[in-house]
Amino acid sequence: MSSTPGELQAHLAGGLIPAVPVPFDSNGRFHAGAHESYLRYMSAQSIAGVAVWAHTGRGLMLDAETARHVLRDWRSALPEKTVIAGVGAKTADLNSEQATTLTVSMAETAAEIGADALLVYPPTWLREHQFCDELIIKHHLRVSQVGLPIILFYLYEAAGGISYSSTVLDDLLALPQVAGIKIATLDSVMTYQDISRQLQARHPDKLLITGEDRFLGYSLQRGARAALVGLGAVCCDLQAELIRAHLDGNTDRFLELSDAVDMLAETLFISPMEGYINRILSALVHLGVIPRSAAYDPWGPDLPANEFDKIGRILAALTTEAHVN
């Protein structure tokens, strides 16, 4: 269901877009059975679509065969939903031209498989470049020539991204293929406030998508009209209802749900932050979606047993309060 930027906005507005993980076993092998179980689980959830190949799904780490397999399966499992593909490049031994070329190639592959839109990873290789701002814009312009709608990705530098100046943001948001921007500042509320204000004042036609797992409710209050979060990979109905309650002006329900979502986020998104993918997979184990043998992230830190147990207790508490099913 490919779309124009305007159609993409209409499909996503008011919705939850989970950034979905990929299950592996303890030997780092893709767990096909758990993946299929997760596809079935998500196909029944209250979501507007999914983001595949995002950081939660280790999009820049997957081998080409697994990456294609995963995206193809999500496209097949969600024929009426929006499938967004993260695109970027690992840059250890690449110059800026090579990194952009690889990003464009990844975008072309996503388009061939059937992705509806692209989430463009921040070009972190340009952080110290003499012509950083100019090359950031050129990078996105080249990706836009693939022809799919683009979602910009503002990832605060301290969280592993690159800081876009307000001028660069204005230029990026002016690109015709850009439908909106995902903002993920992790713990910089001021940065989120500044960018959301800029969008509201100068780019009201673009969709503000929150990526703020740790202050999801507040980010909606500050103008986000959709959520693309790793947190959304579990307990989808809880977060989808939070978004609806906000848009419907149901303040009491919104505040109640926001507390519940914060409880979940403050369990899964904690230090070490790279452990959040393992925690999400652990939550899926507790929810009965995947087996424990598939709850491994080959690129993340090992988690202590007490964290696995705590995740189970929090999910049980949310279930008791009828927030999770």
C-alpha atoms as a PDB file:
ATOM      1  CA  MET A   1       0.000   0.000   0.000  1.00  0.00           C
ATOM      2  CA  SER A   2       2.581   2.531  -1.135  1.00  0.00           C
ATOM      3  CA  SER A   3       1.559   6.132  -0.553  1.00  0.00           C
ATOM      4  CA  THR A   4       2.348   9.772  -1.127  1.00  0.00           C
ATOM      5  CA  PRO A   5       3.635  11.820   1.818  1.00  0.00           C
ATOM      6  CA  GLY A   6       0.126  13.155   2.402  1.00  0.00           C
ATOM      7  CA  GLU A   7      -1.429   9.702   2.319  1.00  0.00           C
ATOM      8  CA  LEU A   8       1.237   8.438   4.702  1.00  0.00           C
ATOM      9  CA  GLN A   9       0.383  11.221   7.146  1.00  0.00           C
ATOM     10  CA  ALA A  10      -3.285  10.253   6.988  1.00  0.00           C
ATOM     11  CA  HIS A  11      -2.482   6.585   7.634  1.00  0.00           C
ATOM     12  CA  LEU A  12      -0.233   7.309  10.611  1.00  0.00           C
ATOM     13  CA  ALA A  13      -1.948  10.241  12.338  1.00  0.00           C
ATOM     14  CA  GLY A  14      -3.430   9.187  15.651  1.00  0.00           C
ATOM     15  CA  GLY A  15      -1.702   5.825  15.522  1.00  0.00           C
ATOM     16  CA  LEU A  16       0.952   3.691  17.159  1.00  0.00           C
ATOM     17  CA  ILE A  17       3.818   2.428  14.999  1.00  0.00           C
ATOM     18  CA  PRO A  18       5.899  -0.118  16.921  1.00  0.00           C
ATOM     19  CA  ALA A  19       9.580  -0.426  16.093  1.00  0.00           C
ATOM     20  CA  VAL A  20       9.704  -4.205  16.024  1.00  0.00           C
ATOM     21  CA  PRO A  21      12.547  -6.428  17.286  1.00  0.00           C
ATOM     22  CA  VAL A  22      13.941  -9.563  15.667  1.00  0.00           C
ATOM     23  CA  PRO A  23      14.206 -12.686  17.879  1.00  0.00           C
ATOM     24  CA  PHE A  24      17.468 -14.637  18.012  1.00  0.00           C
ATOM     25  CA  ASP A  25      18.603 -17.661  19.977  1.00  0.00           C
ATOM     26  CA  SER A  26      21.541 -17.730  22.378  1.00  0.00           C
ATOM     27  CA  ASN A  27      23.898 -18.616  19.518  1.00  0.00           C
ATOM     28  CA  GLY A  28      22.907 -15.527  17.543  1.00  0.00           C
ATOM     29  CA  ARG A  29      20.776 -17.409  15.034  1.00  0.00           C
ATOM     30  CA  PHE A  30      17.544 -15.926  13.714  1.00  0.00           C
ATOM     31  CA  HIS A  31      14.629 -17.686  15.444  1.00  0.00           C
ATOM     32  CA  ALA A  32      12.107 -18.229  12.645  1.00  0.00           C
ATOM     33  CA  GLY A  33       9.452 -19.818  14.853  1.00  0.00           C
ATOM     34  CA  ALA A  34       9.427 -16.956  17.343  1.00  0.00           C
ATOM     35  CA  HIS A  35       9.406 -14.450  14.495  1.00  0.00           C
ATOM     36  CA  GLU A  36       6.313 -16.090  13.000  1.00  0.00           C
ATOM     37  CA  SER A  37       4.603 -16.112  16.391  1.00  0.00           C
ATOM     38  CA  TYR A  38       5.374 -12.426  16.833  1.00  0.00           C
ATOM     39  CA  LEU A  39       3.976 -11.636  13.386  1.00  0.00           C
ATOM     40  CA  ARG A  40       0.691 -13.310  14.350  1.00  0.00           C
ATOM     41  CA  TYR A  41       0.596 -11.449  17.663  1.00  0.00           C
ATOM     42  CA  MET A  42       1.182  -8.051  16.077  1.00  0.00           C
ATOM     43  CA  SER A  43      -1.305  -8.607  13.275  1.00  0.00           C
ATOM     44  CA  ALA A  44      -4.046  -8.591  15.935  1.00  0.00           C
ATOM     45  CA  GLN A  45      -2.871  -5.415  17.697  1.00  0.00           C
ATOM     46  CA  SER A  46      -4.235  -1.865  17.528  1.00  0.00           C
ATOM     47  CA  ILE A  47      -1.457  -0.405  15.405  1.00  0.00           C
ATOM     48  CA  ALA A  48      -1.194   1.876  12.389  1.00  0.00           C
ATOM     49  CA  GLY A  49       1.804  -0.038  11.089  1.00  0.00           C
ATOM     50  CA  VAL A  50       5.308  -1.114  12.041  1.00  0.00           C
ATOM     51  CA  ALA A  51       8.853   0.143  11.650  1.00  0.00           C
ATOM     52  CA  VAL A  52      11.203  -2.603  10.459  1.00  0.00           C
ATOM     53  CA  TRP A  53      15.011  -2.281  10.304  1.00  0.00           C
ATOM     54  CA  ALA A  54      14.872   0.422  12.980  1.00  0.00           C
ATOM     55  CA  HIS A  55      17.316   0.357  15.907  1.00  0.00           C
ATOM     56  CA  THR A  56      14.969  -1.922  17.866  1.00  0.00           C
ATOM     57  CA  GLY A  57      15.131  -4.378  14.971  1.00  0.00           C
ATOM     58  CA  ARG A  58      18.918  -3.950  14.606  1.00  0.00           C
ATOM     59  CA  GLY A  59      18.401  -2.799  11.036  1.00  0.00           C
ATOM     60  CA  LEU A  60      22.013  -1.800  10.484  1.00  0.00           C
ATOM     61  CA  MET A  61      23.323  -5.036  12.003  1.00  0.00           C
ATOM     62  CA  LEU A  62      21.273  -7.696  10.206  1.00  0.00           C
ATOM     63  CA  ASP A  63      22.848  -9.645   7.376  1.00  0.00           C
ATOM     64  CA  ALA A  64      21.249  -8.983   3.996  1.00  0.00           C
ATOM     65  CA  GLU A  65      19.382 -12.297   3.809  1.00  0.00           C
ATOM     66  CA  THR A  66      17.826 -11.967   7.270  1.00  0.00           C
ATOM     67  CA  ALA A  67      16.964  -8.325   6.654  1.00  0.00           C
ATOM     68  CA  ARG A  68      15.123  -9.144   3.447  1.00  0.00           C
ATOM     69  CA  HIS A  69      13.356 -12.088   5.093  1.00  0.00           C
ATOM     70  CA  VAL A  70      12.168  -9.957   8.014  1.00  0.00           C
ATOM     71  CA  LEU A  71      10.861  -7.085   5.890  1.00  0.00           C
ATOM     72  CA  ARG A  72       9.158  -9.422   3.436  1.00  0.00           C
ATOM     73  CA  ASP A  73       7.404 -11.234   6.288  1.00  0.00           C
ATOM     74  CA  TRP A  74       6.136  -8.010   7.852  1.00  0.00           C
ATOM     75  CA  ARG A  75       4.862  -6.801   4.490  1.00  0.00           C
ATOM     76  CA  SER A  76       2.990 -10.075   4.018  1.00  0.00           C
ATOM     77  CA  ALA A  77       1.623 -10.159   7.587  1.00  0.00           C
ATOM     78  CA  LEU A  78       0.281  -6.586   7.504  1.00  0.00           C
ATOM     79  CA  PRO A  79      -1.090  -6.040   3.988  1.00  0.00           C
ATOM     80  CA  GLU A  80      -3.428  -3.238   5.091  1.00  0.00           C
ATOM     81  CA  LYS A  81      -1.008  -1.521   7.476  1.00  0.00           C
ATOM     82  CA  THR A  82       1.882   0.844   6.875  1.00  0.00           C
ATOM     83  CA  VAL A  83       5.328  -0.753   6.814  1.00  0.00           C
ATOM     84  CA  ILE A  84       8.195   1.669   7.370  1.00  0.00           C
ATOM     85  CA  ALA A  85      11.797   0.610   6.745  1.00  0.00           C
ATOM     86  CA  GLY A  86      14.741   2.156   8.536  1.00  0.00           C
ATOM     87  CA  VAL A  87      17.618   2.981   6.169  1.00  0.00           C
ATOM     88  CA  GLY A  88      21.189   3.974   6.902  1.00  0.00           C
ATOM     89  CA  ALA A  89      24.726   2.617   6.933  1.00  0.00           C
ATOM     90  CA  LYS A  90      27.307   1.212   9.303  1.00  0.00           C
ATOM     91  CA  THR A  91      30.235   3.533   8.842  1.00  0.00           C
ATOM     92  CA  ALA A  92      33.372   2.089  10.440  1.00  0.00           C
ATOM     93  CA  ASP A  93      35.361   2.052   7.189  1.00  0.00           C
ATOM     94  CA  LEU A  94      33.256   4.270   4.929  1.00  0.00           C
ATOM     95  CA  ASN A  95      33.564   7.820   3.684  1.00  0.00           C
ATOM     96  CA  SER A  96      30.471  10.011   3.427  1.00  0.00           C
ATOM     97  CA  GLU A  97      29.834   9.222  -0.246  1.00  0.00           C
ATOM     98  CA  GLN A  98      30.038   5.474   0.361  1.00  0.00           C
ATOM     99  CA  ALA A  99      27.741   5.729   3.387  1.00  0.00           C
ATOM    100  CA  THR A 100      25.117   7.645   1.433  1.00  0.00           C
ATOM    101  CA  THR A 101      25.368   5.194  -1.466  1.00  0.00           C
ATOM    102  CA  LEU A 102      24.788   2.269   0.910  1.00  0.00           C
ATOM    103  CA  THR A 103      21.830   4.079   2.471  1.00  0.00           C
ATOM    104  CA  VAL A 104      20.275   4.626  -0.960  1.00  0.00           C
ATOM    105  CA  SER A 105      20.854   0.960  -1.817  1.00  0.00           C
ATOM    106  CA  MET A 106      19.107  -0.087   1.400  1.00  0.00           C
ATOM    107  CA  ALA A 107      16.208   2.229   0.535  1.00  0.00           C
ATOM    108  CA  GLU A 108      15.936   0.732  -2.952  1.00  0.00           C
ATOM    109  CA  THR A 109      15.840  -2.764  -1.463  1.00  0.00           C
ATOM    110  CA  ALA A 110      13.088  -1.694   0.931  1.00  0.00           C
ATOM    111  CA  ALA A 111      11.077  -0.258  -1.951  1.00  0.00           C
ATOM    112  CA  GLU A 112      11.484  -3.460  -3.984  1.00  0.00           C
ATOM    113  CA  ILE A 113      10.211  -5.585  -1.091  1.00  0.00           C
ATOM    114  CA  GLY A 114       7.191  -3.353  -0.560  1.00  0.00           C
ATOM    115  CA  ALA A 115       7.920  -0.838   2.188  1.00  0.00           C
ATOM    116  CA  ASP A 116       5.552   2.126   2.222  1.00  0.00           C
ATOM    117  CA  ALA A 117       7.968   4.684   3.641  1.00  0.00           C
ATOM    118  CA  LEU A 118      11.536   5.199   4.827  1.00  0.00           C
ATOM    119  CA  LEU A 119      12.815   6.208   8.256  1.00  0.00           C
ATOM    120  CA  VAL A 120      16.227   7.744   7.569  1.00  0.00           C
ATOM    121  CA  TYR A 121      18.832   7.068  10.242  1.00  0.00           C
ATOM    122  CA  PRO A 122      20.824  10.164  11.208  1.00  0.00           C
ATOM    123  CA  PRO A 123      24.046  10.343   9.121  1.00  0.00           C
ATOM    124  CA  THR A 124      26.300  10.254  12.158  1.00  0.00           C
ATOM    125  CA  TRP A 125      29.429   9.985  10.008  1.00  0.00           C
ATOM    126  CA  LEU A 126      28.975  13.698   9.247  1.00  0.00           C
ATOM    127  CA  ARG A 127      29.259  14.885  12.856  1.00  0.00           C
ATOM    128  CA  GLU A 128      32.734  16.373  12.501  1.00  0.00           C
ATOM    129  CA  HIS A 129      32.645  17.035   8.765  1.00  0.00           C
ATOM    130  CA  GLN A 130      33.590  20.510   7.565  1.00  0.00           C
ATOM    131  CA  PHE A 131      30.458  20.670   5.409  1.00  0.00           C
ATOM    132  CA  CYS A 132      28.185  18.804   7.813  1.00  0.00           C
ATOM    133  CA  ASP A 133      24.978  20.791   7.279  1.00  0.00           C
ATOM    134  CA  GLU A 134      25.226  20.800   3.496  1.00  0.00           C
ATOM    135  CA  LEU A 135      25.934  17.076   3.337  1.00  0.00           C
ATOM    136  CA  ILE A 136      23.080  16.187   5.722  1.00  0.00           C
ATOM    137  CA  ILE A 137      20.664  17.812   3.299  1.00  0.00           C
ATOM    138  CA  LYS A 138      22.286  16.207   0.241  1.00  0.00           C
ATOM    139  CA  HIS A 139      22.132  12.808   1.950  1.00  0.00           C
ATOM    140  CA  HIS A 140      18.390  13.067   2.526  1.00  0.00           C
ATOM    141  CA  LEU A 141      17.823  14.470  -0.947  1.00  0.00           C
ATOM    142  CA  ARG A 142      19.488  11.430  -2.502  1.00  0.00           C
ATOM    143  CA  VAL A 143      17.416   9.064  -0.362  1.00  0.00           C
ATOM    144  CA  SER A 144      14.264  10.942  -1.356  1.00  0.00           C
ATOM    145  CA  GLN A 145      14.992  10.183  -5.013  1.00  0.00           C
ATOM    146  CA  VAL A 146      14.126   6.529  -4.348  1.00  0.00           C
ATOM    147  CA  GLY A 147      10.541   7.762  -4.465  1.00  0.00           C
ATOM    148  CA  LEU A 148       9.081   6.635  -1.137  1.00  0.00           C
ATOM    149  CA  PRO A 149       7.796   9.074   1.489  1.00  0.00           C
ATOM    150  CA  ILE A 150      10.415   9.912   4.086  1.00  0.00           C
ATOM    151  CA  ILE A 151      10.242  10.248   7.843  1.00  0.00           C
ATOM    152  CA  LEU A 152      13.154  12.238   9.202  1.00  0.00           C
ATOM    153  CA  PHE A 153      14.791  10.923  12.359  1.00  0.00           C
ATOM    154  CA  TYR A 154      16.075  13.414  14.901  1.00  0.00           C
ATOM    155  CA  LEU A 155      18.190  11.476  17.371  1.00  0.00           C
ATOM    156  CA  TYR A 156      19.908  13.686  19.907  1.00  0.00           C
ATOM    157  CA  GLU A 157      23.712  13.471  19.752  1.00  0.00           C
ATOM    158  CA  ALA A 158      24.052  12.327  23.354  1.00  0.00           C
ATOM    159  CA  ALA A 159      21.719   9.454  22.481  1.00  0.00           C
ATOM    160  CA  GLY A 160      23.908   8.374  19.568  1.00  0.00           C
ATOM    161  CA  GLY A 161      22.552  10.590  16.801  1.00  0.00           C
ATOM    162  CA  ILE A 162      23.520  13.933  15.351  1.00  0.00           C
ATOM    163  CA  SER A 163      22.185  17.369  16.237  1.00  0.00           C
ATOM    164  CA  TYR A 164      20.448  19.096  13.328  1.00  0.00           C
ATOM    165  CA  SER A 165      20.455  22.875  13.540  1.00  0.00           C
ATOM    166  CA  SER A 166      17.122  24.668  13.205  1.00  0.00           C
ATOM    167  CA  THR A 167      18.180  25.800   9.720  1.00  0.00           C
ATOM    168  CA  VAL A 168      18.986  22.242   8.643  1.00  0.00           C
ATOM    169  CA  LEU A 169      15.659  21.056  10.042  1.00  0.00           C
ATOM    170  CA  ASP A 170      13.829  23.746   8.078  1.00  0.00           C
ATOM    171  CA  ASP A 171      15.580  22.681   4.872  1.00  0.00           C
ATOM    172  CA  LEU A 172      14.917  18.985   5.481  1.00  0.00           C
ATOM    173  CA  LEU A 173      11.267  19.542   6.311  1.00  0.00           C
ATOM    174  CA  ALA A 174      10.891  21.511   3.080  1.00  0.00           C
ATOM    175  CA  LEU A 175      11.795  18.467   0.962  1.00  0.00           C
ATOM    176  CA  PRO A 176       8.651  17.342  -0.936  1.00  0.00           C
ATOM    177  CA  GLN A 177       9.054  13.650  -0.041  1.00  0.00           C
ATOM    178  CA  VAL A 178       9.239  14.348   3.696  1.00  0.00           C
ATOM    179  CA  ALA A 179       5.996  13.460   5.474  1.00  0.00           C
ATOM    180  CA  GLY A 180       7.163  14.170   9.004  1.00  0.00           C
ATOM    181  CA  ILE A 181       9.813  13.675  11.627  1.00  0.00           C
ATOM    182  CA  LYS A 182      10.405  11.248  14.461  1.00  0.00           C
ATOM    183  CA  ILE A 183      11.979  12.925  17.477  1.00  0.00           C
ATOM    184  CA  ALA A 184      13.892  10.790  19.976  1.00  0.00           C
ATOM    185  CA  THR A 185      15.935  12.838  22.414  1.00  0.00           C
ATOM    186  CA  LEU A 186      15.991  10.183  25.170  1.00  0.00           C
ATOM    187  CA  ASP A 187      16.339  12.523  28.141  1.00  0.00           C
ATOM    188  CA  SER A 188      16.562  16.003  26.631  1.00  0.00           C
ATOM    189  CA  VAL A 189      13.080  17.359  27.167  1.00  0.00           C
ATOM    190  CA  MET A 190      14.246  20.849  26.205  1.00  0.00           C
ATOM    191  CA  THR A 191      15.383  19.643  22.779  1.00  0.00           C
ATOM    192  CA  TYR A 192      12.034  17.960  22.209  1.00  0.00           C
ATOM    193  CA  GLN A 193      10.222  21.139  23.237  1.00  0.00           C
ATOM    194  CA  ASP A 194      12.315  23.306  20.915  1.00  0.00           C
ATOM    195  CA  ILE A 195      11.835  21.080  17.869  1.00  0.00           C
ATOM    196  CA  SER A 196       8.133  20.556  18.465  1.00  0.00           C
ATOM    197  CA  ARG A 197       7.683  24.313  18.745  1.00  0.00           C
ATOM    198  CA  GLN A 198       9.591  24.809  15.480  1.00  0.00           C
ATOM    199  CA  LEU A 199       7.343  22.323  13.684  1.00  0.00           C
ATOM    200  CA  GLN A 200       4.167  23.872  15.013  1.00  0.00           C
ATOM    201  CA  ALA A 201       5.291  27.365  14.036  1.00  0.00           C
ATOM    202  CA  ARG A 202       6.924  26.754  10.655  1.00  0.00           C
ATOM    203  CA  HIS A 203       5.911  23.294   9.409  1.00  0.00           C
ATOM    204  CA  PRO A 204       2.358  22.586  10.583  1.00  0.00           C
ATOM    205  CA  ASP A 205       1.815  20.483   7.457  1.00  0.00           C
ATOM    206  CA  LYS A 206       4.375  17.907   8.622  1.00  0.00           C
ATOM    207  CA  LEU A 207       3.584  15.046  10.993  1.00  0.00           C
ATOM    208  CA  LEU A 208       5.328  15.171  14.361  1.00  0.00           C
ATOM    209  CA  ILE A 209       5.968  11.591  15.477  1.00  0.00           C
ATOM    210  CA  THR A 210       7.211  10.969  18.974  1.00  0.00           C
ATOM    211  CA  GLY A 211      10.008   8.520  19.594  1.00  0.00           C
ATOM    212  CA  GLU A 212      10.128   9.334  23.303  1.00  0.00           C
ATOM    213  CA  ASP A 213       9.616   6.055  25.123  1.00  0.00           C
ATOM    214  CA  ARG A 214      10.394   7.581  28.523  1.00  0.00           C
ATOM    215  CA  PHE A 215       7.995  10.534  28.283  1.00  0.00           C
ATOM    216  CA  LEU A 216       5.447   9.315  25.781  1.00  0.00           C
ATOM    217  CA  GLY A 217       2.413  10.990  27.326  1.00  0.00           C
ATOM    218  CA  TYR A 218       4.082  14.392  27.658  1.00  0.00           C
ATOM    219  CA  SER A 219       5.413  14.212  24.103  1.00  0.00           C
ATOM    220  CA  LEU A 220       1.835  13.844  22.868  1.00  0.00           C
ATOM    221  CA  GLN A 221       0.848  16.900  24.861  1.00  0.00           C
ATOM    222  CA  ARG A 222       3.621  18.798  23.096  1.00  0.00           C
ATOM    223  CA  GLY A 223       2.230  18.189  19.634  1.00  0.00           C
ATOM    224  CA  ALA A 224       3.034  14.639  18.541  1.00  0.00           C
ATOM    225  CA  ARG A 225       0.200  13.116  16.518  1.00  0.00           C
ATOM    226  CA  ALA A 226       1.631   9.597  16.259  1.00  0.00           C
ATOM    227  CA  ALA A 227       4.170   7.444  18.094  1.00  0.00           C
ATOM    228  CA  LEU A 228       6.973   5.371  16.575  1.00  0.00           C
ATOM    229  CA  VAL A 229       8.610   3.708  19.552  1.00  0.00           C
ATOM    230  CA  GLY A 230      10.358   0.519  20.563  1.00  0.00           C
ATOM    231  CA  LEU A 231       8.087   0.502  23.596  1.00  0.00           C
ATOM    232  CA  GLY A 232       5.224  -0.119  21.178  1.00  0.00           C
ATOM    233  CA  ALA A 233       6.621  -3.573  20.399  1.00  0.00           C
ATOM    234  CA  VAL A 234       4.754  -4.796  23.495  1.00  0.00           C
ATOM    235  CA  CYS A 235       1.460  -3.808  25.151  1.00  0.00           C
ATOM    236  CA  CYS A 236       0.240  -2.118  21.983  1.00  0.00           C
ATOM    237  CA  ASP A 237      -3.357  -1.629  23.079  1.00  0.00           C
ATOM    238  CA  LEU A 238      -2.241   0.282  26.165  1.00  0.00           C
ATOM    239  CA  GLN A 239      -0.257   2.782  24.120  1.00  0.00           C
ATOM    240  CA  ALA A 240      -2.769   3.016  21.285  1.00  0.00           C
ATOM    241  CA  GLU A 241      -5.474   3.867  23.807  1.00  0.00           C
ATOM    242  CA  LEU A 242      -3.205   6.496  25.361  1.00  0.00           C
ATOM    243  CA  ILE A 243      -2.917   8.230  21.989  1.00  0.00           C
ATOM    244  CA  ARG A 244      -6.673   8.035  21.419  1.00  0.00           C
ATOM    245  CA  ALA A 245      -7.451   9.385  24.883  1.00  0.00           C
ATOM    246  CA  HIS A 246      -5.214  12.372  24.242  1.00  0.00           C
ATOM    247  CA  LEU A 247      -6.702  13.135  20.830  1.00  0.00           C
ATOM    248  CA  ASP A 248     -10.246  12.689  22.180  1.00  0.00           C
ATOM    249  CA  GLY A 249      -9.573  15.048  25.089  1.00  0.00           C
ATOM    250  CA  ASN A 250     -10.323  12.333  27.651  1.00  0.00           C
ATOM    251  CA  THR A 251      -8.048  13.826  30.290  1.00  0.00           C
ATOM    252  CA  ASP A 252      -8.764  11.468  33.183  1.00  0.00           C
ATOM    253  CA  ARG A 253      -8.211   8.362  31.078  1.00  0.00           C
ATOM    254  CA  PHE A 254      -5.127   9.893  29.462  1.00  0.00           C
ATOM    255  CA  LEU A 255      -3.510  10.570  32.831  1.00  0.00           C
ATOM    256  CA  GLU A 256      -4.338   7.082  34.077  1.00  0.00           C
ATOM    257  CA  LEU A 257      -2.894   5.454  30.972  1.00  0.00           C
ATOM    258  CA  SER A 258       0.143   7.720  30.959  1.00  0.00           C
ATOM    259  CA  ASP A 259       1.049   6.497  34.440  1.00  0.00           C
ATOM    260  CA  ALA A 260       0.757   2.887  33.266  1.00  0.00           C
ATOM    261  CA  VAL A 261       2.857   3.517  30.150  1.00  0.00           C
ATOM    262  CA  ASP A 262       5.505   5.252  32.253  1.00  0.00           C
ATOM    263  CA  MET A 263       5.618   2.243  34.569  1.00  0.00           C
ATOM    264  CA  LEU A 264       6.325   0.016  31.581  1.00  0.00           C
ATOM    265  CA  ALA A 265       8.889   2.382  30.030  1.00  0.00           C
ATOM    266  CA  GLU A 266      10.722   2.833  33.323  1.00  0.00           C
ATOM    267  CA  THR A 267      11.155  -0.937  33.434  1.00  0.00           C
ATOM    268  CA  LEU A 268      12.280  -1.522  29.846  1.00  0.00           C
ATOM    269  CA  PHE A 269      14.217   1.653  29.027  1.00  0.00           C
ATOM    270  CA  ILE A 270      16.825   1.896  31.744  1.00  0.00           C
ATOM    271  CA  SER A 271      20.609   1.778  31.966  1.00  0.00           C
ATOM    272  CA  PRO A 272      22.320   0.186  30.158  1.00  0.00           C
ATOM    273  CA  MET A 273      20.056   1.592  27.469  1.00  0.00           C
ATOM    274  CA  GLU A 274      21.297  -0.848  24.809  1.00  0.00           C
ATOM    275  CA  GLY A 275      19.704  -3.562  26.931  1.00  0.00           C
ATOM    276  CA  TYR A 276      16.203  -2.365  26.069  1.00  0.00           C
ATOM    277  CA  ILE A 277      15.903  -4.762  23.136  1.00  0.00           C
ATOM    278  CA  ASN A 278      16.598  -7.755  25.352  1.00  0.00           C
ATOM    279  CA  ARG A 279      14.067  -6.363  27.828  1.00  0.00           C
ATOM    280  CA  ILE A 280      11.412  -6.045  25.119  1.00  0.00           C
ATOM    281  CA  LEU A 281      12.073  -9.622  24.034  1.00  0.00           C
ATOM    282  CA  SER A 282      11.823 -10.695  27.678  1.00  0.00           C
ATOM    283  CA  ALA A 283       8.463  -8.943  27.934  1.00  0.00           C
ATOM    284  CA  LEU A 284       7.279 -10.898  24.903  1.00  0.00           C
ATOM    285  CA  VAL A 285       8.279 -14.083  26.716  1.00  0.00           C
ATOM    286  CA  HIS A 286       6.194 -13.108  29.743  1.00  0.00           C
ATOM    287  CA  LEU A 287       3.269 -12.282  27.454  1.00  0.00           C
ATOM    288  CA  GLY A 288       3.480 -15.775  25.970  1.00  0.00           C
ATOM    289  CA  VAL A 289       4.343 -14.533  22.483  1.00  0.00           C
ATOM    290  CA  ILE A 290       7.824 -16.026  22.048  1.00  0.00           C
ATOM    291  CA  PRO A 291       9.789 -18.728  23.907  1.00  0.00           C
ATOM    292  CA  ARG A 292      12.572 -17.723  26.256  1.00  0.00           C
ATOM    293  CA  SER A 293      15.038 -19.446  23.928  1.00  0.00           C
ATOM    294  CA  ALA A 294      14.315 -16.686  21.385  1.00  0.00           C
ATOM    295  CA  ALA A 295      14.785 -13.719  23.721  1.00  0.00           C
ATOM    296  CA  TYR A 296      18.340 -12.792  22.772  1.00  0.00           C
ATOM    297  CA  ASP A 297      19.780  -9.675  21.165  1.00  0.00           C
ATOM    298  CA  PRO A 298      23.222 -10.616  19.790  1.00  0.00           C
ATOM    299  CA  TRP A 299      24.410  -6.994  19.877  1.00  0.00           C
ATOM    300  CA  GLY A 300      23.135  -6.000  23.314  1.00  0.00           C
ATOM    301  CA  PRO A 301      24.380  -6.584  26.842  1.00  0.00           C
ATOM    302  CA  ASP A 302      23.345  -9.620  28.838  1.00  0.00           C
ATOM    303  CA  LEU A 303      20.749  -8.838  31.480  1.00  0.00           C
ATOM    304  CA  PRO A 304      20.724 -10.135  35.051  1.00  0.00           C
ATOM    305  CA  ALA A 305      18.026 -12.644  35.968  1.00  0.00           C
ATOM    306  CA  ASN A 306      16.401 -10.208  38.375  1.00  0.00           C
ATOM    307  CA  GLU A 307      15.563  -7.885  35.457  1.00  0.00           C
ATOM    308  CA  PHE A 308      13.711 -10.670  33.669  1.00  0.00           C
ATOM    309  CA  ASP A 309      11.736 -11.342  36.846  1.00  0.00           C
ATOM    310  CA  LYS A 310      10.992  -7.648  37.392  1.00  0.00           C
ATOM    311  CA  ILE A 311       9.619  -7.316  33.864  1.00  0.00           C
ATOM    312  CA  GLY A 312       7.250 -10.179  34.626  1.00  0.00           C
ATOM    313  CA  ARG A 313       6.066  -8.532  37.833  1.00  0.00           C
ATOM    314  CA  ILE A 314       5.380  -5.205  36.112  1.00  0.00           C
ATOM    315  CA  LEU A 315       3.443  -6.861  33.312  1.00  0.00           C
ATOM    316  CA  ALA A 316       1.445  -8.836  35.869  1.00  0.00           C
ATOM    317  CA  ALA A 317       0.619  -5.624  37.730  1.00  0.00           C
ATOM    318  CA  LEU A 318      -0.502  -3.916  34.523  1.00  0.00           C
ATOM    319  CA  THR A 319      -2.586  -6.950  33.617  1.00  0.00           C
ATOM    320  CA  THR A 320      -4.218  -6.954  37.057  1.00  0.00           C
ATOM    321  CA  GLU A 321      -5.152  -3.321  36.525  1.00  0.00           C
ATOM    322  CA  ALA A 322      -6.626  -4.274  33.110  1.00  0.00           C
ATOM    323  CA  HIS A 323      -4.054  -2.221  31.192  1.00  0.00           C
ATOM    324  CA  VAL A 324      -2.511  -5.171  29.326  1.00  0.00           C
ATOM    325  CA  ASN A 325      -4.016  -8.131  27.515  1.00  0.00           C
END
